[in-house]
Every structure is written in structure tokens, then in C-alpha cells.
PDB file of N, CA and C in Angstrom:
ATOM      1  N   UNK A   1      30.920 -10.825 -15.994  1.00  0.00           N
ATOM      2  CA  UNK A   1      30.462 -11.480 -14.782  1.00  0.00           C
ATOM      3  C   UNK A   1      30.143 -10.459 -13.689  1.00  0.00           C
ATOM      4  N   UNK A   2      31.025  -9.486 -13.500  1.00  0.00           N
ATOM      5  CA  UNK A   2      30.800  -8.469 -12.476  1.00  0.00           C
ATOM      6  C   UNK A   2      29.573  -7.636 -12.820  1.00  0.00           C
ATOM      7  N   UNK A   3      29.395  -7.311 -14.077  1.00  0.00           N
ATOM      8  CA  UNK A   3      28.238  -6.519 -14.506  1.00  0.00           C
ATOM      9  C   UNK A   3      26.934  -7.250 -14.174  1.00  0.00           C
ATOM     10  N   UNK A   4      26.864  -8.547 -14.388  1.00  0.00           N
ATOM     11  CA  UNK A   4      25.686  -9.339 -14.095  1.00  0.00           C
ATOM     12  C   UNK A   4      25.395  -9.345 -12.592  1.00  0.00           C
ATOM     13  N   UNK A   5      26.410  -9.519 -11.768  1.00  0.00           N
ATOM     14  CA  UNK A   5      26.237  -9.537 -10.319  1.00  0.00           C
ATOM     15  C   UNK A   5      25.703  -8.191  -9.827  1.00  0.00           C
ATOM     16  N   UNK A   6      26.236  -7.089 -10.358  1.00  0.00           N
ATOM     17  CA  UNK A   6      25.759  -5.762  -9.977  1.00  0.00           C
ATOM     18  C   UNK A   6      24.290  -5.599 -10.343  1.00  0.00           C
ATOM     19  N   UNK A   7      23.904  -6.053 -11.513  1.00  0.00           N
ATOM     20  CA  UNK A   7      22.516  -5.964 -11.964  1.00  0.00           C
ATOM     21  C   UNK A   7      21.584  -6.736 -11.059  1.00  0.00           C
ATOM     22  N   UNK A   8      21.992  -7.898 -10.603  1.00  0.00           N
ATOM     23  CA  UNK A   8      21.155  -8.690  -9.709  1.00  0.00           C
ATOM     24  C   UNK A   8      20.991  -8.025  -8.353  1.00  0.00           C
ATOM     25  N   UNK A   9      22.043  -7.422  -7.830  1.00  0.00           N
ATOM     26  CA  UNK A   9      21.963  -6.718  -6.555  1.00  0.00           C
ATOM     27  C   UNK A   9      21.042  -5.518  -6.693  1.00  0.00           C
ATOM     28  N   UNK A  10      21.167  -4.753  -7.772  1.00  0.00           N
ATOM     29  CA  UNK A  10      20.320  -3.589  -7.987  1.00  0.00           C
ATOM     30  C   UNK A  10      18.859  -3.997  -8.114  1.00  0.00           C
ATOM     31  N   UNK A  11      18.591  -5.034  -8.876  1.00  0.00           N
ATOM     32  CA  UNK A  11      17.211  -5.481  -9.074  1.00  0.00           C
ATOM     33  C   UNK A  11      16.586  -5.933  -7.758  1.00  0.00           C
ATOM     34  N   UNK A  12      17.368  -6.553  -6.905  1.00  0.00           N
ATOM     35  CA  UNK A  12      16.845  -7.036  -5.629  1.00  0.00           C
ATOM     36  C   UNK A  12      16.544  -5.901  -4.664  1.00  0.00           C
ATOM     37  N   UNK A  13      17.191  -4.751  -4.843  1.00  0.00           N
ATOM     38  CA  UNK A  13      16.979  -3.653  -3.907  1.00  0.00           C
ATOM     39  C   UNK A  13      15.822  -2.742  -4.311  1.00  0.00           C
ATOM     40  N   UNK A  14      15.203  -2.987  -5.445  1.00  0.00           N
ATOM     41  CA  UNK A  14      14.086  -2.167  -5.907  1.00  0.00           C
ATOM     42  C   UNK A  14      12.917  -3.089  -6.241  1.00  0.00           C
ATOM     43  N   UNK A  15      11.781  -2.904  -5.553  1.00  0.00           N
ATOM     44  CA  UNK A  15      10.656  -3.777  -5.838  1.00  0.00           C
ATOM     45  C   UNK A  15       9.332  -3.051  -5.645  1.00  0.00           C
ATOM     46  N   UNK A  16       8.334  -3.495  -6.379  1.00  0.00           N
ATOM     47  CA  UNK A  16       6.988  -2.953  -6.256  1.00  0.00           C
ATOM     48  C   UNK A  16       6.218  -3.785  -5.251  1.00  0.00           C
ATOM     49  N   UNK A  17       5.331  -3.141  -4.519  1.00  0.00           N
ATOM     50  CA  UNK A  17       4.545  -3.874  -3.548  1.00  0.00           C
ATOM     51  C   UNK A  17       3.487  -3.010  -2.914  1.00  0.00           C
ATOM     52  N   UNK A  18       2.768  -3.615  -1.978  1.00  0.00           N
ATOM     53  CA  UNK A  18       1.752  -2.922  -1.202  1.00  0.00           C
ATOM     54  C   UNK A  18       2.157  -3.005   0.260  1.00  0.00           C
ATOM     55  N   UNK A  19       2.109  -1.879   0.946  1.00  0.00           N
ATOM     56  CA  UNK A  19       2.617  -1.774   2.309  1.00  0.00           C
ATOM     57  C   UNK A  19       1.558  -1.112   3.191  1.00  0.00           C
ATOM     58  N   UNK A  20       1.486  -1.516   4.445  1.00  0.00           N
ATOM     59  CA  UNK A  20       0.529  -0.938   5.395  1.00  0.00           C
ATOM     60  C   UNK A  20       1.302  -0.108   6.406  1.00  0.00           C
ATOM     61  N   UNK A  21       0.808   1.109   6.652  1.00  0.00           N
ATOM     62  CA  UNK A  21       1.463   1.994   7.603  1.00  0.00           C
ATOM     63  C   UNK A  21       0.729   3.312   7.706  1.00  0.00           C
ATOM     64  N   UNK A  22       1.448   4.349   8.114  1.00  0.00           N
ATOM     65  CA  UNK A  22       0.850   5.660   8.340  1.00  0.00           C
ATOM     66  C   UNK A  22       1.582   6.722   7.524  1.00  0.00           C
ATOM     67  N   UNK A  23       0.800   7.667   6.986  1.00  0.00           N
ATOM     68  CA  UNK A  23       1.399   8.834   6.342  1.00  0.00           C
ATOM     69  C   UNK A  23       1.721   9.825   7.453  1.00  0.00           C
ATOM     70  N   UNK A  24       2.978  10.172   7.581  1.00  0.00           N
ATOM     71  CA  UNK A  24       3.436  11.078   8.627  1.00  0.00           C
ATOM     72  C   UNK A  24       4.272  12.184   7.980  1.00  0.00           C
ATOM     73  N   UNK A  25       5.106  12.821   8.792  1.00  0.00           N
ATOM     74  CA  UNK A  25       5.964  13.899   8.294  1.00  0.00           C
ATOM     75  C   UNK A  25       7.391  13.684   8.789  1.00  0.00           C
ATOM     76  N   UNK A  26       8.335  14.330   8.105  1.00  0.00           N
ATOM     77  CA  UNK A  26       9.747  14.105   8.414  1.00  0.00           C
ATOM     78  C   UNK A  26      10.161  14.678   9.771  1.00  0.00           C
ATOM     79  N   UNK A  27       9.433  15.636  10.314  1.00  0.00           N
ATOM     80  CA  UNK A  27       9.778  16.178  11.638  1.00  0.00           C
ATOM     81  C   UNK A  27       9.397  15.210  12.749  1.00  0.00           C
ATOM     82  N   UNK A  28       8.262  14.550  12.616  1.00  0.00           N
ATOM     83  CA  UNK A  28       7.771  13.653  13.666  1.00  0.00           C
ATOM     84  C   UNK A  28       8.132  12.192  13.426  1.00  0.00           C
ATOM     85  N   UNK A  29       8.199  11.780  12.181  1.00  0.00           N
ATOM     86  CA  UNK A  29       8.511  10.391  11.871  1.00  0.00           C
ATOM     87  C   UNK A  29       7.473   9.448  12.436  1.00  0.00           C
ATOM     88  N   UNK A  30       7.910   8.523  13.284  1.00  0.00           N
ATOM     89  CA  UNK A  30       7.029   7.480  13.798  1.00  0.00           C
ATOM     90  C   UNK A  30       6.167   7.928  14.980  1.00  0.00           C
ATOM     91  N   UNK A  31       6.462   9.082  15.585  1.00  0.00           N
ATOM     92  CA  UNK A  31       5.709   9.499  16.766  1.00  0.00           C
ATOM     93  C   UNK A  31       5.417  10.999  16.743  1.00  0.00           C
ATOM     94  N   UNK A  32       4.156  11.330  16.922  1.00  0.00           N
ATOM     95  CA  UNK A  32       3.737  12.734  16.963  1.00  0.00           C
ATOM     96  C   UNK A  32       3.643  13.259  18.395  1.00  0.00           C
ATOM     97  N   UNK A  33       4.040  12.471  19.376  1.00  0.00           N
ATOM     98  CA  UNK A  33       3.820  12.819  20.781  1.00  0.00           C
ATOM     99  C   UNK A  33       4.468  14.142  21.191  1.00  0.00           C
ATOM    100  N   UNK A  34       5.598  14.496  20.629  1.00  0.00           N
ATOM    101  CA  UNK A  34       6.276  15.734  21.012  1.00  0.00           C
ATOM    102  C   UNK A  34       5.671  16.971  20.359  1.00  0.00           C
ATOM    103  N   UNK A  35       4.996  16.790  19.222  1.00  0.00           N
ATOM    104  CA  UNK A  35       4.546  17.944  18.449  1.00  0.00           C
ATOM    105  C   UNK A  35       3.038  18.160  18.453  1.00  0.00           C
ATOM    106  N   UNK A  36       2.238  17.200  18.897  1.00  0.00           N
ATOM    107  CA  UNK A  36       0.784  17.349  18.768  1.00  0.00           C
ATOM    108  C   UNK A  36       0.256  18.569  19.510  1.00  0.00           C
ATOM    109  N   UNK A  37       0.881  19.005  20.564  1.00  0.00           N
ATOM    110  CA  UNK A  37       0.447  20.204  21.270  1.00  0.00           C
ATOM    111  C   UNK A  37       0.607  21.463  20.441  1.00  0.00           C
ATOM    112  N   UNK A  38       1.609  21.481  19.587  1.00  0.00           N
ATOM    113  CA  UNK A  38       1.864  22.651  18.746  1.00  0.00           C
ATOM    114  C   UNK A  38       0.968  22.693  17.516  1.00  0.00           C
ATOM    115  N   UNK A  39       0.613  21.538  16.987  1.00  0.00           N
ATOM    116  CA  UNK A  39      -0.098  21.481  15.713  1.00  0.00           C
ATOM    117  C   UNK A  39      -1.486  20.867  15.816  1.00  0.00           C
ATOM    118  N   UNK A  40      -2.049  20.767  16.990  1.00  0.00           N
ATOM    119  CA  UNK A  40      -3.368  20.159  17.151  1.00  0.00           C
ATOM    120  C   UNK A  40      -3.272  18.876  17.933  1.00  0.00           C
ATOM    121  N   UNK A  41      -4.379  18.227  18.097  1.00  0.00           N
ATOM    122  CA  UNK A  41      -4.421  17.040  18.941  1.00  0.00           C
ATOM    123  C   UNK A  41      -4.346  15.726  18.182  1.00  0.00           C
ATOM    124  N   UNK A  42      -4.597  15.733  16.891  1.00  0.00           N
ATOM    125  CA  UNK A  42      -4.595  14.476  16.147  1.00  0.00           C
ATOM    126  C   UNK A  42      -3.312  14.314  15.326  1.00  0.00           C
ATOM    127  N   UNK A  43      -3.033  13.076  14.941  1.00  0.00           N
ATOM    128  CA  UNK A  43      -1.893  12.804  14.066  1.00  0.00           C
ATOM    129  C   UNK A  43      -2.044  13.551  12.743  1.00  0.00           C
ATOM    130  N   UNK A  44      -3.285  13.641  12.254  1.00  0.00           N
ATOM    131  CA  UNK A  44      -3.545  14.358  11.003  1.00  0.00           C
ATOM    132  C   UNK A  44      -3.190  15.844  11.133  1.00  0.00           C
ATOM    133  N   UNK A  45      -3.699  16.490  12.208  1.00  0.00           N
ATOM    134  CA  UNK A  45      -3.398  17.906  12.422  1.00  0.00           C
ATOM    135  C   UNK A  45      -1.896  18.139  12.535  1.00  0.00           C
ATOM    136  N   UNK A  46      -1.239  17.265  13.268  1.00  0.00           N
ATOM    137  CA  UNK A  46       0.203  17.390  13.463  1.00  0.00           C
ATOM    138  C   UNK A  46       0.942  17.246  12.132  1.00  0.00           C
ATOM    139  N   UNK A  47       0.597  16.218  11.367  1.00  0.00           N
ATOM    140  CA  UNK A  47       1.254  15.994  10.079  1.00  0.00           C
ATOM    141  C   UNK A  47       1.068  17.198   9.166  1.00  0.00           C
ATOM    142  N   UNK A  48      -0.160  17.666   9.031  1.00  0.00           N
ATOM    143  CA  UNK A  48      -0.415  18.807   8.147  1.00  0.00           C
ATOM    144  C   UNK A  48       0.273  20.076   8.642  1.00  0.00           C
ATOM    145  N   UNK A  49       0.320  20.277   9.958  1.00  0.00           N
ATOM    146  CA  UNK A  49       1.024  21.430  10.519  1.00  0.00           C
ATOM    147  C   UNK A  49       2.516  21.380  10.231  1.00  0.00           C
ATOM    148  N   UNK A  50       3.106  20.206  10.380  1.00  0.00           N
ATOM    149  CA  UNK A  50       4.540  20.060  10.099  1.00  0.00           C
ATOM    150  C   UNK A  50       4.830  20.239   8.613  1.00  0.00           C
ATOM    151  N   UNK A  51       3.948  19.729   7.746  1.00  0.00           N
ATOM    152  CA  UNK A  51       4.124  19.904   6.302  1.00  0.00           C
ATOM    153  C   UNK A  51       4.062  21.390   5.958  1.00  0.00           C
ATOM    154  N   UNK A  52       3.110  22.088   6.527  1.00  0.00           N
ATOM    155  CA  UNK A  52       2.978  23.525   6.296  1.00  0.00           C
ATOM    156  C   UNK A  52       4.237  24.259   6.753  1.00  0.00           C
ATOM    157  N   UNK A  53       4.877  23.739   7.790  1.00  0.00           N
ATOM    158  CA  UNK A  53       6.103  24.330   8.323  1.00  0.00           C
ATOM    159  C   UNK A  53       7.362  23.952   7.571  1.00  0.00           C
ATOM    160  N   UNK A  54       7.236  23.134   6.525  1.00  0.00           N
ATOM    161  CA  UNK A  54       8.401  22.809   5.701  1.00  0.00           C
ATOM    162  C   UNK A  54       8.853  21.364   5.730  1.00  0.00           C
ATOM    163  N   UNK A  55       8.238  20.527   6.548  1.00  0.00           N
ATOM    164  CA  UNK A  55       8.594  19.103   6.568  1.00  0.00           C
ATOM    165  C   UNK A  55       8.104  18.422   5.294  1.00  0.00           C
ATOM    166  N   UNK A  56       8.561  17.208   5.084  1.00  0.00           N
ATOM    167  CA  UNK A  56       8.126  16.407   3.941  1.00  0.00           C
ATOM    168  C   UNK A  56       7.286  15.238   4.438  1.00  0.00           C
ATOM    169  N   UNK A  57       6.407  14.743   3.565  1.00  0.00           N
ATOM    170  CA  UNK A  57       5.640  13.542   3.893  1.00  0.00           C
ATOM    171  C   UNK A  57       6.580  12.348   3.962  1.00  0.00           C
ATOM    172  N   UNK A  58       6.320  11.444   4.903  1.00  0.00           N
ATOM    173  CA  UNK A  58       7.028  10.170   5.009  1.00  0.00           C
ATOM    174  C   UNK A  58       5.993   9.071   5.237  1.00  0.00           C
ATOM    175  N   UNK A  59       6.423   7.830   5.062  1.00  0.00           N
ATOM    176  CA  UNK A  59       5.577   6.667   5.281  1.00  0.00           C
ATOM    177  C   UNK A  59       6.205   5.858   6.400  1.00  0.00           C
ATOM    178  N   UNK A  60       5.428   5.553   7.438  1.00  0.00           N
ATOM    179  CA  UNK A  60       5.918   4.805   8.596  1.00  0.00           C
ATOM    180  C   UNK A  60       5.268   3.428   8.590  1.00  0.00           C
ATOM    181  N   UNK A  61       6.093   2.390   8.595  1.00  0.00           N
ATOM    182  CA  UNK A  61       5.588   1.020   8.585  1.00  0.00           C
ATOM    183  C   UNK A  61       6.522   0.126   9.383  1.00  0.00           C
ATOM    184  N   UNK A  62       5.956  -0.625  10.300  1.00  0.00           N
ATOM    185  CA  UNK A  62       6.754  -1.558  11.096  1.00  0.00           C
ATOM    186  C   UNK A  62       7.861  -0.891  11.881  1.00  0.00           C
ATOM    187  N   UNK A  63       7.645   0.345  12.327  1.00  0.00           N
ATOM    188  CA  UNK A  63       8.652   1.068  13.093  1.00  0.00           C
ATOM    189  C   UNK A  63       9.718   1.744  12.253  1.00  0.00           C
ATOM    190  N   UNK A  64       9.693   1.552  10.943  1.00  0.00           N
ATOM    191  CA  UNK A  64      10.659   2.185  10.048  1.00  0.00           C
ATOM    192  C   UNK A  64      10.021   3.369   9.338  1.00  0.00           C
ATOM    193  N   UNK A  65      10.828   4.387   9.071  1.00  0.00           N
ATOM    194  CA  UNK A  65      10.365   5.589   8.383  1.00  0.00           C
ATOM    195  C   UNK A  65      10.954   5.583   6.976  1.00  0.00           C
ATOM    196  N   UNK A  66      10.083   5.684   5.986  1.00  0.00           N
ATOM    197  CA  UNK A  66      10.479   5.680   4.574  1.00  0.00           C
ATOM    198  C   UNK A  66      10.202   7.037   3.953  1.00  0.00           C
ATOM    199  N   UNK A  67      11.157   7.529   3.199  1.00  0.00           N
ATOM    200  CA  UNK A  67      10.975   8.778   2.467  1.00  0.00           C
ATOM    201  C   UNK A  67       9.989   8.537   1.326  1.00  0.00           C
ATOM    202  N   UNK A  68       9.237   9.557   0.960  1.00  0.00           N
ATOM    203  CA  UNK A  68       8.327   9.464  -0.183  1.00  0.00           C
ATOM    204  C   UNK A  68       8.915  10.314  -1.297  1.00  0.00           C
ATOM    205  N   UNK A  69       9.208   9.664  -2.410  1.00  0.00           N
ATOM    206  CA  UNK A  69       9.868  10.324  -3.529  1.00  0.00           C
ATOM    207  C   UNK A  69       8.976  11.366  -4.192  1.00  0.00           C
ATOM    208  N   UNK A  70       7.722  11.020  -4.435  1.00  0.00           N
ATOM    209  CA  UNK A  70       6.819  11.915  -5.162  1.00  0.00           C
ATOM    210  C   UNK A  70       5.928  12.690  -4.181  1.00  0.00           C
ATOM    211  N   UNK A  71       6.497  13.751  -3.611  1.00  0.00           N
ATOM    212  CA  UNK A  71       5.825  14.565  -2.596  1.00  0.00           C
ATOM    213  C   UNK A  71       4.547  15.236  -3.100  1.00  0.00           C
ATOM    214  N   UNK A  72       4.391  15.375  -4.396  1.00  0.00           N
ATOM    215  CA  UNK A  72       3.207  16.047  -4.942  1.00  0.00           C
ATOM    216  C   UNK A  72       2.056  15.076  -5.209  1.00  0.00           C
ATOM    217  N   UNK A  73       2.203  13.797  -4.822  1.00  0.00           N
ATOM    218  CA  UNK A  73       1.131  12.823  -5.033  1.00  0.00           C
ATOM    219  C   UNK A  73      -0.136  13.317  -4.329  1.00  0.00           C
ATOM    220  N   UNK A  74      -1.229  13.398  -5.068  1.00  0.00           N
ATOM    221  CA  UNK A  74      -2.461  14.062  -4.613  1.00  0.00           C
ATOM    222  C   UNK A  74      -3.026  13.529  -3.298  1.00  0.00           C
ATOM    223  N   UNK A  75      -3.000  12.238  -3.067  1.00  0.00           N
ATOM    224  CA  UNK A  75      -3.644  11.673  -1.879  1.00  0.00           C
ATOM    225  C   UNK A  75      -2.815  11.786  -0.599  1.00  0.00           C
ATOM    226  N   UNK A  76      -1.600  12.299  -0.672  1.00  0.00           N
ATOM    227  CA  UNK A  76      -0.806  12.445   0.549  1.00  0.00           C
ATOM    228  C   UNK A  76      -1.486  13.391   1.536  1.00  0.00           C
ATOM    229  N   UNK A  77      -1.935  14.536   1.078  1.00  0.00           N
ATOM    230  CA  UNK A  77      -2.608  15.480   1.973  1.00  0.00           C
ATOM    231  C   UNK A  77      -3.928  14.901   2.465  1.00  0.00           C
ATOM    232  N   UNK A  78      -4.661  14.258   1.583  1.00  0.00           N
ATOM    233  CA  UNK A  78      -5.961  13.670   1.938  1.00  0.00           C
ATOM    234  C   UNK A  78      -5.823  12.609   3.033  1.00  0.00           C
ATOM    235  N   UNK A  79      -4.747  11.823   3.005  1.00  0.00           N
ATOM    236  CA  UNK A  79      -4.546  10.712   3.939  1.00  0.00           C
ATOM    237  C   UNK A  79      -3.532  11.009   5.044  1.00  0.00           C
ATOM    238  N   UNK A  80      -3.130  12.256   5.186  1.00  0.00           N
ATOM    239  CA  UNK A  80      -2.136  12.641   6.202  1.00  0.00           C
ATOM    240  C   UNK A  80      -2.575  12.182   7.589  1.00  0.00           C
ATOM    241  N   UNK A  81      -1.679  11.526   8.313  1.00  0.00           N
ATOM    242  CA  UNK A  81      -1.944  11.071   9.671  1.00  0.00           C
ATOM    243  C   UNK A  81      -2.751   9.795   9.780  1.00  0.00           C
ATOM    244  N   UNK A  82      -3.196   9.245   8.668  1.00  0.00           N
ATOM    245  CA  UNK A  82      -4.048   8.057   8.683  1.00  0.00           C
ATOM    246  C   UNK A  82      -3.254   6.773   8.463  1.00  0.00           C
ATOM    247  N   UNK A  83      -3.826   5.664   8.952  1.00  0.00           N
ATOM    248  CA  UNK A  83      -3.318   4.346   8.604  1.00  0.00           C
ATOM    249  C   UNK A  83      -3.800   4.054   7.180  1.00  0.00           C
ATOM    250  N   UNK A  84      -2.884   3.628   6.343  1.00  0.00           N
ATOM    251  CA  UNK A  84      -3.197   3.453   4.928  1.00  0.00           C
ATOM    252  C   UNK A  84      -2.543   2.200   4.374  1.00  0.00           C
ATOM    253  N   UNK A  85      -2.973   1.867   3.173  1.00  0.00           N
ATOM    254  CA  UNK A  85      -2.324   0.842   2.369  1.00  0.00           C
ATOM    255  C   UNK A  85      -1.723   1.580   1.179  1.00  0.00           C
ATOM    256  N   UNK A  86      -0.413   1.511   1.040  1.00  0.00           N
ATOM    257  CA  UNK A  86       0.304   2.221  -0.013  1.00  0.00           C
ATOM    258  C   UNK A  86       0.824   1.214  -1.026  1.00  0.00           C
ATOM    259  N   UNK A  87       0.592   1.494  -2.281  1.00  0.00           N
ATOM    260  CA  UNK A  87       1.161   0.704  -3.370  1.00  0.00           C
ATOM    261  C   UNK A  87       2.209   1.562  -4.041  1.00  0.00           C
ATOM    262  N   UNK A  88       3.364   0.970  -4.313  1.00  0.00           N
ATOM    263  CA  UNK A  88       4.414   1.747  -4.966  1.00  0.00           C
ATOM    264  C   UNK A  88       5.684   0.946  -5.135  1.00  0.00           C
ATOM    265  N   UNK A  89       6.701   1.634  -5.619  1.00  0.00           N
ATOM    266  CA  UNK A  89       8.023   1.037  -5.840  1.00  0.00           C
ATOM    267  C   UNK A  89       8.941   1.450  -4.699  1.00  0.00           C
ATOM    268  N   UNK A  90       9.489   0.458  -3.991  1.00  0.00           N
ATOM    269  CA  UNK A  90      10.386   0.691  -2.869  1.00  0.00           C
ATOM    270  C   UNK A  90      11.817   0.493  -3.344  1.00  0.00           C
ATOM    271  N   UNK A  91      12.647   1.484  -3.068  1.00  0.00           N
ATOM    272  CA  UNK A  91      14.071   1.401  -3.406  1.00  0.00           C
ATOM    273  C   UNK A  91      14.844   1.907  -2.197  1.00  0.00           C
ATOM    274  N   UNK A  92      15.457   0.973  -1.464  1.00  0.00           N
ATOM    275  CA  UNK A  92      16.143   1.333  -0.227  1.00  0.00           C
ATOM    276  C   UNK A  92      15.142   1.832   0.803  1.00  0.00           C
ATOM    277  N   UNK A  93      15.329   3.076   1.268  1.00  0.00           N
ATOM    278  CA  UNK A  93      14.399   3.646   2.254  1.00  0.00           C
ATOM    279  C   UNK A  93      13.454   4.673   1.631  1.00  0.00           C
ATOM    280  N   UNK A  94      13.265   4.586   0.309  1.00  0.00           N
ATOM    281  CA  UNK A  94      12.410   5.540  -0.400  1.00  0.00           C
ATOM    282  C   UNK A  94      11.356   4.808  -1.206  1.00  0.00           C
ATOM    283  N   UNK A  95      10.132   5.317  -1.130  1.00  0.00           N
ATOM    284  CA  UNK A  95       9.031   4.727  -1.891  1.00  0.00           C
ATOM    285  C   UNK A  95       8.474   5.773  -2.855  1.00  0.00           C
ATOM    286  N   UNK A  96       8.200   5.322  -4.069  1.00  0.00           N
ATOM    287  CA  UNK A  96       7.492   6.138  -5.047  1.00  0.00           C
ATOM    288  C   UNK A  96       6.063   5.618  -5.063  1.00  0.00           C
ATOM    289  N   UNK A  97       5.146   6.422  -4.582  1.00  0.00           N
ATOM    290  CA  UNK A  97       3.758   6.011  -4.375  1.00  0.00           C
ATOM    291  C   UNK A  97       2.981   6.042  -5.685  1.00  0.00           C
ATOM    292  N   UNK A  98       2.214   4.973  -5.937  1.00  0.00           N
ATOM    293  CA  UNK A  98       1.325   4.963  -7.093  1.00  0.00           C
ATOM    294  C   UNK A  98      -0.147   4.918  -6.667  1.00  0.00           C
ATOM    295  N   UNK A  99      -0.414   4.521  -5.406  1.00  0.00           N
ATOM    296  CA  UNK A  99      -1.790   4.460  -4.918  1.00  0.00           C
ATOM    297  C   UNK A  99      -1.783   4.476  -3.395  1.00  0.00           C
ATOM    298  N   UNK A 100      -2.759   5.194  -2.819  1.00  0.00           N
ATOM    299  CA  UNK A 100      -2.952   5.199  -1.368  1.00  0.00           C
ATOM    300  C   UNK A 100      -4.429   4.990  -1.105  1.00  0.00           C
ATOM    301  N   UNK A 101      -4.722   4.034  -0.221  1.00  0.00           N
ATOM    302  CA  UNK A 101      -6.117   3.828   0.172  1.00  0.00           C
ATOM    303  C   UNK A 101      -6.175   3.697   1.691  1.00  0.00           C
ATOM    304  N   UNK A 102      -7.291   4.145   2.267  1.00  0.00           N
ATOM    305  CA  UNK A 102      -7.455   4.091   3.711  1.00  0.00           C
ATOM    306  C   UNK A 102      -7.522   2.647   4.175  1.00  0.00           C
ATOM    307  N   UNK A 103      -6.859   2.349   5.240  1.00  0.00           N
ATOM    308  CA  UNK A 103      -6.826   0.992   5.801  1.00  0.00           C
ATOM    309  C   UNK A 103      -7.913   0.832   6.815  1.00  0.00           C
TER     310      UNK A 103
END
């Protein structure tokens, strides 16, 4: 009985879906206002500058910041700083991206 309950809780915490938000970086998160002067004027310039400096890509949606599990996903750099539609598997505060398209 306990094993079944644990399985249901685990299954509910991991789901595939499509989410709308912005590709950002772990240094800036939801706001680039403090860093845009250092890395350029746009969200894209800031994100790429922070990534070059050692930050990781993150996904910001609805005011929440989600870690991106697969940092080597090809379209992350292409869509850095942009509003996007991300398809992937969400588990807690981490998403494994399978597709990114411009919103």
C-alpha cells in the first residue's frame, strides 16, 4: 500500500507539457535590470554574457525560475533572452527541454 502511494506522488510531480516563458540565466533569473549595463542592453546580450561568465540557462515562466536539466540543448543559445514556447518534462523546479520555439 505504501509503495503504491509513493508511486502516485512521484508520478504527479513529473509531467510533460508545453510552457510559455523566457530563456534567461541563473545570475539574473527573472530580471536582467541589474546586469544589462555590464553585458549589453538587451535581455539576449545579458543572458549570453552571463552564460559566458559561468551561469547556467534557466527558464522563467509566471514569475518562477526553473532550472534546465539539459544545458547543452542546441536551441538554448539561439533563443537566449527571448520569449519562447518550451516543450519538455517538468520535475519539481527542473525542466528537461525537448523543443523550443519562438513565441
